Amino acid sequence: MTKGLIFAFHGGPTAFVNRVNSVIGQLDDVDLDLLERLCEWSKDNGSVIPMGSLELTAENVQFRLEKLEKLELIDFGVRV
């Protein structure tokens, strides 16, 4: 049974915060909402995105996560 998807902030939390400032213009409201939730999950859920926790289609979740990874904000891909 899959619990969720583990993620990490690319380069650690400090690098993540610095990088957000560099790429903020490439993020829309959905991206920012997702980043806010990722920050919450990093503290409260052991950096696991819980399965079924996002009200987006699976394709949209994948698109958003890949976008954040390409912008070097997160690293992801390990299922738990």
C-alpha atoms as a PDB file:
ATOM      1  CA  MET A   1       0.000   0.000   0.000  1.00  0.00           C
ATOM      2  CA  THR A   2       1.381   3.405  -0.971  1.00  0.00           C
ATOM      3  CA  LYS A   3       1.260   5.994   1.811  1.00  0.00           C
ATOM      4  CA  GLY A   4       2.554   8.875  -0.280  1.00  0.00           C
ATOM      5  CA  LEU A   5       5.511  10.379  -2.056  1.00  0.00           C
ATOM      6  CA  ILE A   6       8.649  11.536  -0.256  1.00  0.00           C
ATOM      7  CA  PHE A   7      10.142  14.847  -1.303  1.00  0.00           C
ATOM      8  CA  ALA A   8      13.096  16.956  -0.226  1.00  0.00           C
ATOM      9  CA  PHE A   9      13.894  20.603  -0.653  1.00  0.00           C
ATOM     10  CA  HIS A  10      16.606  20.847  -3.302  1.00  0.00           C
ATOM     11  CA  GLY A  11      19.808  21.774  -1.471  1.00  0.00           C
ATOM     12  CA  GLY A  12      18.033  21.843   1.879  1.00  0.00           C
ATOM     13  CA  PRO A  13      15.650  24.366   3.458  1.00  0.00           C
ATOM     14  CA  THR A  14      17.985  27.374   3.192  1.00  0.00           C
ATOM     15  CA  ALA A  15      18.713  26.772  -0.487  1.00  0.00           C
ATOM     16  CA  PHE A  16      14.969  26.300  -1.061  1.00  0.00           C
ATOM     17  CA  VAL A  17      14.130  29.672   0.503  1.00  0.00           C
ATOM     18  CA  ASN A  18      16.830  31.424  -1.512  1.00  0.00           C
ATOM     19  CA  ARG A  19      15.737  29.708  -4.741  1.00  0.00           C
ATOM     20  CA  VAL A  20      12.060  30.674  -4.315  1.00  0.00           C
ATOM     21  CA  ASN A  21      13.082  34.317  -4.566  1.00  0.00           C
ATOM     22  CA  SER A  22      14.842  33.600  -7.873  1.00  0.00           C
ATOM     23  CA  VAL A  23      11.937  31.775  -9.535  1.00  0.00           C
ATOM     24  CA  ILE A  24       8.874  33.429  -7.966  1.00  0.00           C
ATOM     25  CA  GLY A  25       7.891  34.981 -11.292  1.00  0.00           C
ATOM     26  CA  GLN A  26       7.527  31.520 -12.836  1.00  0.00           C
ATOM     27  CA  LEU A  27       5.061  30.297 -10.200  1.00  0.00           C
ATOM     28  CA  ASP A  28       1.299  30.717 -10.297  1.00  0.00           C
ATOM     29  CA  ASP A  29      -1.205  30.608  -7.434  1.00  0.00           C
ATOM     30  CA  VAL A  30      -1.579  26.809  -7.632  1.00  0.00           C
ATOM     31  CA  ASP A  31       2.200  26.375  -7.447  1.00  0.00           C
ATOM     32  CA  LEU A  32       2.394  28.698  -4.440  1.00  0.00           C
ATOM     33  CA  ASP A  33      -0.428  26.852  -2.682  1.00  0.00           C
ATOM     34  CA  LEU A  34       1.367  23.565  -3.326  1.00  0.00           C
ATOM     35  CA  LEU A  35       4.636  24.989  -1.975  1.00  0.00           C
ATOM     36  CA  GLU A  36       2.847  26.147   1.169  1.00  0.00           C
ATOM     37  CA  ARG A  37       1.483  22.648   1.683  1.00  0.00           C
ATOM     38  CA  LEU A  38       4.895  21.112   1.005  1.00  0.00           C
ATOM     39  CA  CYS A  39       6.341  23.309   3.750  1.00  0.00           C
ATOM     40  CA  GLU A  40       3.615  22.109   6.132  1.00  0.00           C
ATOM     41  CA  TRP A  41       4.185  18.466   5.172  1.00  0.00           C
ATOM     42  CA  SER A  42       7.937  18.839   5.662  1.00  0.00           C
ATOM     43  CA  LYS A  43       7.271  19.696   9.305  1.00  0.00           C
ATOM     44  CA  ASP A  44       4.153  17.696  10.096  1.00  0.00           C
ATOM     45  CA  ASN A  45       4.352  14.640   7.848  1.00  0.00           C
ATOM     46  CA  GLY A  46       8.030  13.769   7.569  1.00  0.00           C
ATOM     47  CA  SER A  47       8.311  15.267   4.055  1.00  0.00           C
ATOM     48  CA  VAL A  48       5.692  12.899   2.640  1.00  0.00           C
ATOM     49  CA  ILE A  49       2.939  14.089   0.299  1.00  0.00           C
ATOM     50  CA  PRO A  50      -0.015  11.986   1.488  1.00  0.00           C
ATOM     51  CA  MET A  51      -1.845  10.097  -1.241  1.00  0.00           C
ATOM     52  CA  GLY A  52      -5.148  11.766  -2.107  1.00  0.00           C
ATOM     53  CA  SER A  53      -4.320  14.961  -0.240  1.00  0.00           C
ATOM     54  CA  LEU A  54      -4.409  17.282  -3.257  1.00  0.00           C
ATOM     55  CA  GLU A  55      -7.594  18.290  -5.037  1.00  0.00           C
ATOM     56  CA  LEU A  56      -5.862  18.178  -8.420  1.00  0.00           C
ATOM     57  CA  THR A  57      -5.929  15.522 -11.086  1.00  0.00           C
ATOM     58  CA  ALA A  58      -3.057  13.050 -11.009  1.00  0.00           C
ATOM     59  CA  GLU A  59      -1.758  14.596 -14.244  1.00  0.00           C
ATOM     60  CA  ASN A  60      -1.844  18.098 -12.762  1.00  0.00           C
ATOM     61  CA  VAL A  61      -0.063  16.939  -9.587  1.00  0.00           C
ATOM     62  CA  GLN A  62       2.630  15.335 -11.722  1.00  0.00           C
ATOM     63  CA  PHE A  63       2.949  18.472 -13.871  1.00  0.00           C
ATOM     64  CA  ARG A  64       3.247  20.728 -10.800  1.00  0.00           C
ATOM     65  CA  LEU A  65       5.790  18.534  -9.036  1.00  0.00           C
ATOM     66  CA  GLU A  66       7.885  18.200 -12.187  1.00  0.00           C
ATOM     67  CA  LYS A  67       7.740  21.978 -12.642  1.00  0.00           C
ATOM     68  CA  LEU A  68       8.961  22.535  -9.076  1.00  0.00           C
ATOM     69  CA  GLU A  69      11.714  19.987  -9.604  1.00  0.00           C
ATOM     70  CA  LYS A  70      12.832  21.620 -12.882  1.00  0.00           C
ATOM     71  CA  LEU A  71      12.985  24.963 -11.064  1.00  0.00           C
ATOM     72  CA  GLU A  72      15.272  23.243  -8.524  1.00  0.00           C
ATOM     73  CA  LEU A  73      12.924  23.825  -5.607  1.00  0.00           C
ATOM     74  CA  ILE A  74      12.261  20.187  -4.687  1.00  0.00           C
ATOM     75  CA  ASP A  75      13.495  16.685  -5.359  1.00  0.00           C
ATOM     76  CA  PHE A  76      10.957  13.880  -5.337  1.00  0.00           C
ATOM     77  CA  GLY A  77      10.204  10.422  -6.586  1.00  0.00           C
ATOM     78  CA  VAL A  78      10.411   7.931  -3.754  1.00  0.00           C
ATOM     79  CA  ARG A  79       7.119   6.238  -2.885  1.00  0.00           C
ATOM     80  CA  VAL A  80       6.504   5.021   0.638  1.00  0.00           C
END
